[in-house]
C-alpha atoms as a PDB file:
ATOM      1  CA  MET A   1      21.492-126.365  58.371  1.00  0.00           C
ATOM      2  CA  LYS A   2      22.361-124.793  61.401  1.00  0.00           C
ATOM      3  CA  LYS A   3      20.069-124.300  64.595  1.00  0.00           C
ATOM      4  CA  LEU A   4      17.733-121.327  65.266  1.00  0.00           C
ATOM      5  CA  ASN A   5      18.102-119.684  68.972  1.00  0.00           C
ATOM      6  CA  THR A   6      14.480-118.068  68.661  1.00  0.00           C
ATOM      7  CA  HIS A   7      15.007-116.192  71.991  1.00  0.00           C
ATOM      8  CA  GLU A   8      17.324-114.247  69.850  1.00  0.00           C
ATOM      9  CA  PHE A   9      14.556-112.656  67.914  1.00  0.00           C
ATOM     10  CA  TYR A  10      13.059-111.698  71.685  1.00  0.00           C
ATOM     11  CA  ARG A  11      15.732-109.748  72.298  1.00  0.00           C
ATOM     12  CA  LEU A  12      16.229-107.775  69.189  1.00  0.00           C
ATOM     13  CA  ALA A  13      12.629-107.428  69.704  1.00  0.00           C
ATOM     14  CA  THR A  14      13.104-105.732  73.462  1.00  0.00           C
ATOM     15  CA  THR A  15      16.041-103.762  72.189  1.00  0.00           C
ATOM     16  CA  ILE A  16      14.552-101.964  69.177  1.00  0.00           C
ATOM     17  CA  ASN A  17      11.146-101.570  70.575  1.00  0.00           C
ATOM     18  CA  PRO A  18      11.734 -98.288  73.073  1.00  0.00           C
ATOM     19  CA  LEU A  19      13.154 -96.466  70.257  1.00  0.00           C
ATOM     20  CA  THR A  20       9.456 -96.536  68.443  1.00  0.00           C
ATOM     21  CA  SER A  21       8.352 -94.775  71.713  1.00  0.00           C
ATOM     22  CA  ILE A  22      10.953 -92.028  71.753  1.00  0.00           C
ATOM     23  CA  GLU A  23       9.337 -88.580  72.615  1.00  0.00           C
ATOM     24  CA  ASP A  24      10.022 -86.573  69.555  1.00  0.00           C
ATOM     25  CA  ASN A  25       8.296 -83.315  70.055  1.00  0.00           C
ATOM     26  CA  SER A  26      11.217 -80.982  71.357  1.00  0.00           C
ATOM     27  CA  ASP A  27      15.158 -81.417  70.749  1.00  0.00           C
ATOM     28  CA  LYS A  28      16.955 -83.860  73.181  1.00  0.00           C
ATOM     29  CA  PRO A  29      20.806 -84.128  74.516  1.00  0.00           C
ATOM     30  CA  LEU A  30      21.967 -87.343  73.144  1.00  0.00           C
ATOM     31  CA  GLY A  31      22.606 -88.614  76.169  1.00  0.00           C
ATOM     32  CA  ASP A  32      18.980 -89.273  76.674  1.00  0.00           C
ATOM     33  CA  ILE A  33      18.670 -92.101  73.876  1.00  0.00           C
ATOM     34  CA  LEU A  34      22.843 -93.047  73.477  1.00  0.00           C
ATOM     35  CA  TRP A  35      22.208 -96.117  75.545  1.00  0.00           C
ATOM     36  CA  THR A  36      18.924 -96.904  73.943  1.00  0.00           C
ATOM     37  CA  MET A  37      20.385 -97.053  70.810  1.00  0.00           C
ATOM     38  CA  PHE A  38      23.709 -98.603  71.672  1.00  0.00           C
ATOM     39  CA  SER A  39      21.726-101.836  72.814  1.00  0.00           C
ATOM     40  CA  ALA A  40      19.458-101.956  69.288  1.00  0.00           C
ATOM     41  CA  ASN A  41      22.703-101.830  67.247  1.00  0.00           C
ATOM     42  CA  VAL A  42      24.640-104.192  68.940  1.00  0.00           C
ATOM     43  CA  ALA A  43      21.473-106.687  68.794  1.00  0.00           C
ATOM     44  CA  LEU A  44      20.886-105.407  64.749  1.00  0.00           C
ATOM     45  CA  ASN A  45      24.786-106.483  64.308  1.00  0.00           C
ATOM     46  CA  LEU A  46      24.625-109.890  65.436  1.00  0.00           C
ATOM     47  CA  HIS A  47      21.434-110.559  62.732  1.00  0.00           C
ATOM     48  CA  VAL A  48      23.119-109.019  59.933  1.00  0.00           C
ATOM     49  CA  GLY A  49      26.503-110.959  59.333  1.00  0.00           C
ATOM     50  CA  LYS A  50      27.074-113.288  56.635  1.00  0.00           C
ATOM     51  CA  LYS A  51      25.007-115.808  58.725  1.00  0.00           C
ATOM     52  CA  SER A  52      22.297-114.234  59.010  1.00  0.00           C
ATOM     53  CA  ASN A  53      18.396-115.659  58.859  1.00  0.00           C
ATOM     54  CA  PHE A  54      17.294-112.227  57.870  1.00  0.00           C
ATOM     55  CA  SER A  55      15.594-111.625  54.552  1.00  0.00           C
ATOM     56  CA  SER A  56      17.272-109.012  51.676  1.00  0.00           C
ATOM     57  CA  SER A  57      14.061-106.903  52.599  1.00  0.00           C
ATOM     58  CA  LEU A  58      14.743-106.925  56.631  1.00  0.00           C
ATOM     59  CA  LYS A  59      18.431-106.277  55.856  1.00  0.00           C
ATOM     60  CA  ARG A  60      17.700-103.137  54.283  1.00  0.00           C
ATOM     61  CA  SER A  61      15.017-102.376  57.088  1.00  0.00           C
ATOM     62  CA  ALA A  62      17.848-103.087  59.574  1.00  0.00           C
ATOM     63  CA  GLY A  63      20.608-101.161  57.590  1.00  0.00           C
ATOM     64  CA  ALA A  64      18.310 -98.043  57.376  1.00  0.00           C
ATOM     65  CA  LEU A  65      17.601 -98.115  61.109  1.00  0.00           C
ATOM     66  CA  MET A  66      21.389 -98.407  62.105  1.00  0.00           C
ATOM     67  CA  ARG A  67      22.561 -95.273  59.096  1.00  0.00           C
ATOM     68  CA  THR A  68      20.003 -93.268  60.992  1.00  0.00           C
ATOM     69  CA  MET A  69      21.475 -93.792  64.598  1.00  0.00           C
ATOM     70  CA  TYR A  70      24.773 -93.122  62.970  1.00  0.00           C
ATOM     71  CA  THR A  71      23.726 -89.935  61.270  1.00  0.00           C
ATOM     72  CA  ILE A  72      22.183 -88.701  64.894  1.00  0.00           C
ATOM     73  CA  GLY A  73      25.356 -89.510  66.523  1.00  0.00           C
ATOM     74  CA  LEU A  74      25.933 -93.023  67.660  1.00  0.00           C
ATOM     75  CA  PRO A  75      29.640 -94.300  67.399  1.00  0.00           C
ATOM     76  CA  SER A  76      30.343 -97.049  65.373  1.00  0.00           C
ATOM     77  CA  THR A  77      32.690 -98.246  68.661  1.00  0.00           C
ATOM     78  CA  VAL A  78      32.022 -99.294  71.774  1.00  0.00           C
ATOM     79  CA  ALA A  79      35.114 -97.168  72.699  1.00  0.00           C
ATOM     80  CA  ASP A  80      33.827 -94.016  70.980  1.00  0.00           C
ATOM     81  CA  THR A  81      29.945 -94.645  72.856  1.00  0.00           C
ATOM     82  CA  PHE A  82      31.853 -94.242  76.143  1.00  0.00           C
ATOM     83  CA  ASN A  83      33.597 -90.960  75.040  1.00  0.00           C
ATOM     84  CA  ALA A  84      30.782 -89.757  73.400  1.00  0.00           C
ATOM     85  CA  ASP A  85      29.573 -86.110  74.031  1.00  0.00           C
ATOM     86  CA  GLN A  86      26.059 -87.106  75.878  1.00  0.00           C
ATOM     87  CA  THR A  87      25.180 -83.071  75.752  1.00  0.00           C
ATOM     88  CA  LYS A  88      25.141 -82.761  72.584  1.00  0.00           C
ATOM     89  CA  ILE A  89      21.378 -81.810  71.317  1.00  0.00           C
ATOM     90  CA  ILE A  90      19.494 -83.972  68.744  1.00  0.00           C
ATOM     91  CA  PRO A  91      17.082 -82.146  67.026  1.00  0.00           C
ATOM     92  CA  ALA A  92      13.269 -83.068  67.228  1.00  0.00           C
ATOM     93  CA  TRP A  93      13.009 -84.215  63.445  1.00  0.00           C
ATOM     94  CA  GLN A  94      16.125 -86.127  63.958  1.00  0.00           C
ATOM     95  CA  LEU A  95      14.383 -87.670  66.654  1.00  0.00           C
ATOM     96  CA  SER A  96      11.118 -88.533  64.660  1.00  0.00           C
ATOM     97  CA  ASN A  97      13.392 -90.206  61.918  1.00  0.00           C
ATOM     98  CA  LEU A  98      14.933 -92.698  64.144  1.00  0.00           C
ATOM     99  CA  LYS A  99      11.268 -93.370  65.780  1.00  0.00           C
ATOM    100  CA  GLN A 100       9.697 -93.824  62.178  1.00  0.00           C
ATOM    101  CA  ALA A 101      12.672 -96.150  61.047  1.00  0.00           C
ATOM    102  CA  ALA A 102      12.538 -97.982  64.211  1.00  0.00           C
ATOM    103  CA  ALA A 103       8.442 -98.808  63.407  1.00  0.00           C
ATOM    104  CA  ASP A 104       8.987 -99.366  59.875  1.00  0.00           C
ATOM    105  CA  PHE A 105      11.472-102.126  61.080  1.00  0.00           C
ATOM    106  CA  GLU A 106       9.152-103.666  63.414  1.00  0.00           C
ATOM    107  CA  THR A 107       6.584-104.153  60.390  1.00  0.00           C
ATOM    108  CA  VAL A 108       8.716-105.697  58.373  1.00  0.00           C
ATOM    109  CA  LEU A 109       9.854-107.844  61.667  1.00  0.00           C
ATOM    110  CA  ALA A 110       6.548-108.513  62.088  1.00  0.00           C
ATOM    111  CA  ASN A 111       5.549-109.601  58.408  1.00  0.00           C
ATOM    112  CA  GLU A 112       8.960-111.856  58.005  1.00  0.00           C
ATOM    113  CA  LEU A 113       9.010-113.583  61.247  1.00  0.00           C
ATOM    114  CA  PRO A 114       5.551-115.779  60.565  1.00  0.00           C
ATOM    115  CA  GLY A 115       7.315-116.741  57.465  1.00  0.00           C
ATOM    116  CA  LEU A 116      10.660-118.131  59.067  1.00  0.00           C
ATOM    117  CA  ALA A 117      11.012-121.808  58.635  1.00  0.00           C
ATOM    118  CA  THR A 118      11.033-122.537  62.063  1.00  0.00           C
ATOM    119  CA  TYR A 119      10.358-126.234  63.428  1.00  0.00           C
ATOM    120  CA  ILE A 120       9.774-128.168  66.955  1.00  0.00           C
ATOM    121  CA  VAL A 121      11.677-131.152  66.646  1.00  0.00           C
ATOM    122  CA  SER A 122       9.906-133.760  69.445  1.00  0.00           C
ATOM    123  CA  GLN A 123      11.713-135.937  71.205  1.00  0.00           C
ATOM    124  CA  LYS A 124      12.047-139.707  69.694  1.00  0.00           C
ATOM    125  CA  GLY A 125      12.061-142.284  72.682  1.00  0.00           C
ATOM    126  CA  ILE A 126      14.578-141.521  74.899  1.00  0.00           C
ATOM    127  CA  TYR A 127      17.284-139.854  72.630  1.00  0.00           C
ATOM    128  CA  SER A 128      17.963-136.495  73.395  1.00  0.00           C
ATOM    129  CA  THR A 129      16.846-134.517  70.331  1.00  0.00           C
ATOM    130  CA  ASP A 130      20.370-131.933  70.203  1.00  0.00           C
ATOM    131  CA  ASP A 131      22.337-135.237  70.050  1.00  0.00           C
ATOM    132  CA  LEU A 132      20.493-137.166  67.415  1.00  0.00           C
ATOM    133  CA  ILE A 133      20.869-134.259  65.525  1.00  0.00           C
ATOM    134  CA  SER A 134      24.346-133.320  66.268  1.00  0.00           C
ATOM    135  CA  ASN A 135      26.463-136.306  67.406  1.00  0.00           C
ATOM    136  CA  ALA A 136      24.353-139.865  67.566  1.00  0.00           C
ATOM    137  CA  ASP A 137      27.963-141.297  67.126  1.00  0.00           C
ATOM    138  CA  GLN A 138      28.823-140.714  70.644  1.00  0.00           C
ATOM    139  CA  HIS A 139      26.063-143.544  71.685  1.00  0.00           C
ATOM    140  CA  PHE A 140      29.157-145.706  71.826  1.00  0.00           C
ATOM    141  CA  PRO A 141      32.054-145.693  74.945  1.00  0.00           C
ATOM    142  CA  ASP A 142      35.254-144.211  73.417  1.00  0.00           C
ATOM    143  CA  GLU A 143      37.316-147.484  73.018  1.00  0.00           C
ATOM    144  CA  THR A 144      34.450-148.784  70.809  1.00  0.00           C
ATOM    145  CA  LEU A 145      34.430-145.838  69.218  1.00  0.00           C
ATOM    146  CA  LYS A 146      37.807-145.552  67.970  1.00  0.00           C
ATOM    147  CA  GLU A 147      37.240-149.104  66.263  1.00  0.00           C
ATOM    148  CA  ILE A 148      34.528-147.770  63.919  1.00  0.00           C
ATOM    149  CA  PRO A 149      35.250-146.406  60.646  1.00  0.00           C
ATOM    150  CA  GLU A 150      35.113-142.728  59.963  1.00  0.00           C
ATOM    151  CA  ASN A 151      32.487-143.746  57.166  1.00  0.00           C
ATOM    152  CA  ALA A 152      30.225-145.449  59.440  1.00  0.00           C
ATOM    153  CA  ARG A 153      30.337-142.706  61.805  1.00  0.00           C
ATOM    154  CA  LYS A 154      29.192-140.513  59.327  1.00  0.00           C
ATOM    155  CA  ASP A 155      26.405-142.547  58.394  1.00  0.00           C
ATOM    156  CA  ILE A 156      25.481-143.176  62.016  1.00  0.00           C
ATOM    157  CA  CYS A 157      25.080-139.440  62.520  1.00  0.00           C
ATOM    158  CA  GLU A 158      23.409-138.951  59.060  1.00  0.00           C
ATOM    159  CA  GLY A 159      20.882-141.742  60.498  1.00  0.00           C
ATOM    160  CA  GLY A 160      20.255-140.075  63.629  1.00  0.00           C
ATOM    161  CA  ARG A 161      19.613-136.510  62.087  1.00  0.00           C
ATOM    162  CA  CYS A 162      17.169-138.411  59.683  1.00  0.00           C
ATOM    163  CA  LEU A 163      15.533-139.818  62.715  1.00  0.00           C
ATOM    164  CA  ALA A 164      14.835-136.484  64.597  1.00  0.00           C
ATOM    165  CA  PHE A 165      13.653-134.928  61.729  1.00  0.00           C
ATOM    166  CA  GLU A 166      11.343-138.124  61.113  1.00  0.00           C
ATOM    167  CA  LEU A 167      13.107-139.204  57.686  1.00  0.00           C
ATOM    168  CA  ALA A 168      12.278-142.841  58.651  1.00  0.00           C
ATOM    169  CA  THR A 169      13.213-145.099  55.856  1.00  0.00           C
ATOM    170  CA  ALA A 170      16.098-142.783  55.165  1.00  0.00           C
ATOM    171  CA  SER A 171      17.283-143.253  59.359  1.00  0.00           C
ATOM    172  CA  ALA A 172      17.493-147.221  58.472  1.00  0.00           C
ATOM    173  CA  PHE A 173      19.150-146.511  55.332  1.00  0.00           C
ATOM    174  CA  HIS A 174      22.333-144.831  56.472  1.00  0.00           C
ATOM    175  CA  MET A 175      22.242-147.295  59.714  1.00  0.00           C
ATOM    176  CA  TRP A 176      22.279-150.511  57.873  1.00  0.00           C
ATOM    177  CA  ARG A 177      25.362-148.970  55.740  1.00  0.00           C
ATOM    178  CA  ALA A 178      27.061-148.085  58.685  1.00  0.00           C
ATOM    179  CA  LEU A 179      26.456-151.889  60.092  1.00  0.00           C
ATOM    180  CA  GLU A 180      28.164-153.340  56.854  1.00  0.00           C
ATOM    181  CA  THR A 181      30.777-150.926  56.892  1.00  0.00           C
ATOM    182  CA  VAL A 182      31.341-152.086  60.540  1.00  0.00           C
ATOM    183  CA  MET A 183      30.903-156.079  59.240  1.00  0.00           C
ATOM    184  CA  GLY A 184      33.951-155.213  57.124  1.00  0.00           C
ATOM    185  CA  LYS A 185      35.949-153.977  59.583  1.00  0.00           C
ATOM    186  CA  TYR A 186      35.207-156.977  61.781  1.00  0.00           C
ATOM    187  CA  TYR A 187      36.244-159.425  58.874  1.00  0.00           C
ATOM    188  CA  ALA A 188      39.595-157.735  58.092  1.00  0.00           C
ATOM    189  CA  ALA A 189      40.249-157.938  62.108  1.00  0.00           C
ATOM    190  CA  LEU A 190      39.832-162.137  61.945  1.00  0.00           C
ATOM    191  CA  LYS A 191      41.401-162.419  58.339  1.00  0.00           C
ATOM    192  CA  GLY A 192      43.633-159.515  57.749  1.00  0.00           C
ATOM    193  CA  LYS A 193      41.974-159.315  54.297  1.00  0.00           C
ATOM    194  CA  THR A 194      38.642-157.177  53.323  1.00  0.00           C
ATOM    195  CA  PHE A 195      35.438-159.160  51.984  1.00  0.00           C
ATOM    196  CA  GLU A 196      36.405-157.766  48.153  1.00  0.00           C
ATOM    197  CA  ASP A 197      40.169-159.332  48.605  1.00  0.00           C
ATOM    198  CA  ASP A 198      38.191-162.570  49.524  1.00  0.00           C
ATOM    199  CA  GLN A 199      35.642-161.620  46.566  1.00  0.00           C
ATOM    200  CA  ILE A 200      32.915-162.291  48.721  1.00  0.00           C
ATOM    201  CA  GLN A 201      29.830-161.246  46.773  1.00  0.00           C
ATOM    202  CA  ARG A 202      28.160-158.094  48.213  1.00  0.00           C
ATOM    203  CA  ASN A 203      25.181-159.083  50.151  1.00  0.00           C
ATOM    204  CA  TRP A 204      24.681-159.442  53.613  1.00  0.00           C
ATOM    205  CA  TYR A 205      24.052-163.208  53.488  1.00  0.00           C
ATOM    206  CA  GLU A 206      27.747-163.996  52.030  1.00  0.00           C
ATOM    207  CA  TYR A 207      28.925-161.614  54.600  1.00  0.00           C
ATOM    208  CA  ILE A 208      27.431-163.040  57.293  1.00  0.00           C
ATOM    209  CA  LYS A 209      28.490-166.516  56.417  1.00  0.00           C
ATOM    210  CA  ALA A 210      32.085-165.369  55.418  1.00  0.00           C
ATOM    211  CA  LEU A 211      32.082-163.952  59.123  1.00  0.00           C
ATOM    212  CA  GLU A 212      31.164-167.356  60.339  1.00  0.00           C
ATOM    213  CA  LYS A 213      34.037-169.203  58.241  1.00  0.00           C
ATOM    214  CA  ALA A 214      36.427-166.614  59.437  1.00  0.00           C
ATOM    215  CA  GLY A 215      35.463-167.342  63.629  1.00  0.00           C
ATOM    216  CA  ALA A 216      33.380-164.474  64.097  1.00  0.00           C
ATOM    217  CA  GLU A 217      31.512-164.723  67.494  1.00  0.00           C
ATOM    218  CA  LYS A 218      28.258-166.888  66.827  1.00  0.00           C
ATOM    219  CA  LYS A 219      26.263-164.389  69.266  1.00  0.00           C
ATOM    220  CA  ILE A 220      26.993-161.817  66.871  1.00  0.00           C
ATOM    221  CA  THR A 221      26.696-163.649  63.777  1.00  0.00           C
ATOM    222  CA  GLU A 222      23.419-164.776  65.007  1.00  0.00           C
ATOM    223  CA  PHE A 223      21.892-161.215  65.849  1.00  0.00           C
ATOM    224  CA  LEU A 224      23.290-159.879  62.236  1.00  0.00           C
ATOM    225  CA  ASP A 225      21.160-162.490  60.426  1.00  0.00           C
ATOM    226  CA  HIS A 226      18.411-161.802  62.527  1.00  0.00           C
ATOM    227  CA  ILE A 227      18.397-158.452  61.496  1.00  0.00           C
ATOM    228  CA  ARG A 228      18.970-158.750  58.044  1.00  0.00           C
ATOM    229  CA  LYS A 229      15.674-161.474  57.942  1.00  0.00           C
ATOM    230  CA  GLU A 230      13.552-159.397  59.961  1.00  0.00           C
ATOM    231  CA  TYR A 231      14.841-155.633  59.508  1.00  0.00           C
ATOM    232  CA  ARG A 232      17.049-155.195  56.640  1.00  0.00           C
ATOM    233  CA  ASN A 233      15.253-157.306  54.016  1.00  0.00           C
ATOM    234  CA  PRO A 234      11.945-156.297  54.147  1.00  0.00           C
ATOM    235  CA  ILE A 235      12.666-152.602  53.489  1.00  0.00           C
ATOM    236  CA  SER A 236      15.141-153.013  50.539  1.00  0.00           C
ATOM    237  CA  HIS A 237      12.877-152.592  48.261  1.00  0.00           C
ATOM    238  CA  PRO A 238      12.131-149.265  47.013  1.00  0.00           C
ATOM    239  CA  THR A 239       8.770-149.342  47.318  1.00  0.00           C
ATOM    240  CA  ASP A 240       8.684-150.158  50.941  1.00  0.00           C
ATOM    241  CA  THR A 241       9.094-147.372  53.377  1.00  0.00           C
ATOM    242  CA  LEU A 242       8.834-147.298  56.916  1.00  0.00           C
ATOM    243  CA  GLU A 243       7.071-145.485  59.824  1.00  0.00           C
ATOM    244  CA  LEU A 244       8.512-143.709  62.358  1.00  0.00           C
ATOM    245  CA  ASP A 245       8.105-146.014  65.153  1.00  0.00           C
ATOM    246  CA  GLU A 246       9.358-148.834  63.182  1.00  0.00           C
ATOM    247  CA  ALA A 247      12.930-146.619  62.195  1.00  0.00           C
ATOM    248  CA  LEU A 248      12.832-145.829  66.434  1.00  0.00           C
ATOM    249  CA  ASN A 249      13.453-149.473  66.569  1.00  0.00           C
ATOM    250  CA  LEU A 250      15.478-150.084  63.865  1.00  0.00           C
ATOM    251  CA  PHE A 251      17.944-147.713  65.032  1.00  0.00           C
ATOM    252  CA  GLY A 252      18.249-148.895  68.749  1.00  0.00           C
ATOM    253  CA  ALA A 253      18.884-152.446  66.785  1.00  0.00           C
ATOM    254  CA  ALA A 254      21.449-150.887  64.546  1.00  0.00           C
ATOM    255  CA  LEU A 255      23.512-149.211  67.258  1.00  0.00           C
ATOM    256  CA  SER A 256      23.365-152.487  69.627  1.00  0.00           C
ATOM    257  CA  ALA A 257      24.726-154.465  66.449  1.00  0.00           C
ATOM    258  CA  ILE A 258      27.376-151.926  65.765  1.00  0.00           C
ATOM    259  CA  GLY A 259      28.305-151.965  69.342  1.00  0.00           C
ATOM    260  CA  GLN A 260      28.416-155.573  69.853  1.00  0.00           C
ATOM    261  CA  THR A 261      30.740-155.867  66.449  1.00  0.00           C
ATOM    262  CA  SER A 262      33.084-152.952  67.147  1.00  0.00           C
ATOM    263  CA  LYS A 263      33.263-154.201  70.730  1.00  0.00           C
ATOM    264  CA  ALA A 264      34.735-157.559  69.115  1.00  0.00           C
ATOM    265  CA  VAL A 265      37.251-155.948  67.355  1.00  0.00           C
ATOM    266  CA  VAL A 266      38.637-154.303  70.139  1.00  0.00           C
ATOM    267  CA  ASP A 267      38.901-157.882  71.970  1.00  0.00           C
ATOM    268  CA  LEU A 268      40.872-159.056  68.994  1.00  0.00           C
ATOM    269  CA  GLU A 269      42.988-156.248  68.753  1.00  0.00           C
ATOM    270  CA  ALA A 270      43.778-156.676  72.692  1.00  0.00           C
ATOM    271  CA  LYS A 271      44.418-160.358  72.188  1.00  0.00           C
ATOM    272  CA  LYS A 272      46.958-159.333  69.334  1.00  0.00           C
ATOM    273  CA  LYS A 273      48.678-157.238  71.840  1.00  0.00           C
ATOM    274  CA  ALA A 274      48.966-159.907  74.368  1.00  0.00           C
ATOM    275  CA  VAL A 275      50.315-162.925  71.972  1.00  0.00           C
ATOM    276  CA  THR A 276      52.818-159.806  70.980  1.00  0.00           C
ATOM    277  CA  LEU A 277      54.217-158.979  73.921  1.00  0.00           C
ATOM    278  CA  PRO A 278      55.236-161.929  75.564  1.00  0.00           C
ATOM    279  CA  ALA A 279      56.418-163.206  72.396  1.00  0.00           C
ATOM    280  CA  ALA A 280      59.095-159.891  72.088  1.00  0.00           C
ATOM    281  CA  SER A 281      59.983-160.786  75.711  1.00  0.00           C
ATOM    282  CA  SER A 282      60.717-164.160  75.221  1.00  0.00           C
ATOM    283  CA  ALA A 283      63.104-163.095  71.947  1.00  0.00           C
ATOM    284  CA  ALA A 284      64.719-160.501  73.777  1.00  0.00           C
ATOM    285  CA  VAL A 285      65.751-163.147  76.704  1.00  0.00           C
ATOM    286  CA  SER A 286      67.110-165.305  74.070  1.00  0.00           C
ATOM    287  CA  LEU A 287      69.338-163.020  72.492  1.00  0.00           C
ATOM    288  CA  ALA A 288      70.480-162.286  76.200  1.00  0.00           C
ATOM    289  CA  SER A 289      71.492-166.011  77.002  1.00  0.00           C
ATOM    290  CA  LEU A 290      73.371-166.006  73.324  1.00  0.00           C
ATOM    291  CA  ALA A 291      75.510-163.178  74.351  1.00  0.00           C
ATOM    292  CA  GLY A 292      76.334-164.703  77.520  1.00  0.00           C
ATOM    293  CA  PRO A 293      77.792-163.638  80.664  1.00  0.00           C
ATOM    294  CA  GLN A 294      79.536-160.090  80.849  1.00  0.00           C
ATOM    295  CA  THR A 295      83.140-160.469  81.797  1.00  0.00           C
ATOM    296  CA  ALA A 296      85.119-157.470  83.655  1.00  0.00           C
ATOM    297  CA  LYS A 297      87.317-155.197  81.614  1.00  0.00           C
ATOM    298  CA  SER A 298      91.306-155.801  82.348  1.00  0.00           C
ATOM    299  CA  THR A 299      92.984-152.878  83.507  1.00  0.00           C
END
């Protein structure tokens, strides 16, 4: 999937259209049409590459137009275009061929564009559409974001993308997966072991109970349990689906829980460092005292 810039099609049309109105009732010097052809050729080259949105028929029509321009005398490089002999006379029949090739391309383009899969994605709540689609994980401060595991970040991004495209149930699925991963990270920070290491049964109720026993912050475990009962469990059955407004609320709740839980991991890491540094300093002082005072060397 990629973002489609529809303005590029407008620009393409504005460069091709002048070719359809070239006067072809008499011979003309190349200079009269050189830069019109040059602009059209540049625009066409932007659309016929490997990442082109053109159909095969549109590519064939574009190729025919480009070959016609090259046959008339359009150079293939920018440098050669500036050095082209603009006094070269182009016969009327070649001008007619160019005009027809441009008209044919416009006809194919007009037939293809209505069938092009383009959609307008409406904004969801206060979230930017581009941010939801491309980088929903950037919702968090840098310090918190670095504590969110990579697979959780991917799920957050998928959750944002699903929300943008109104795949409500899929959005919630990815956000709960992300939150579950972050819960595991929090438990590991508290205990130094994973849920799997401690053979905690794989369900949120057991995970939350394990976090409570490990000394997790009460406000976090209470919020997680509220999410479990009010949000996650009601949609865990395959026959249950979400409405878009429900998914929007769940998305915000999940981001909040992920942020709180990851911030708790940040705080734990900071406390560990604060304990480790003084201990290391004390050890250094003790070693120095054992060494005794320095004595001057005799000469």
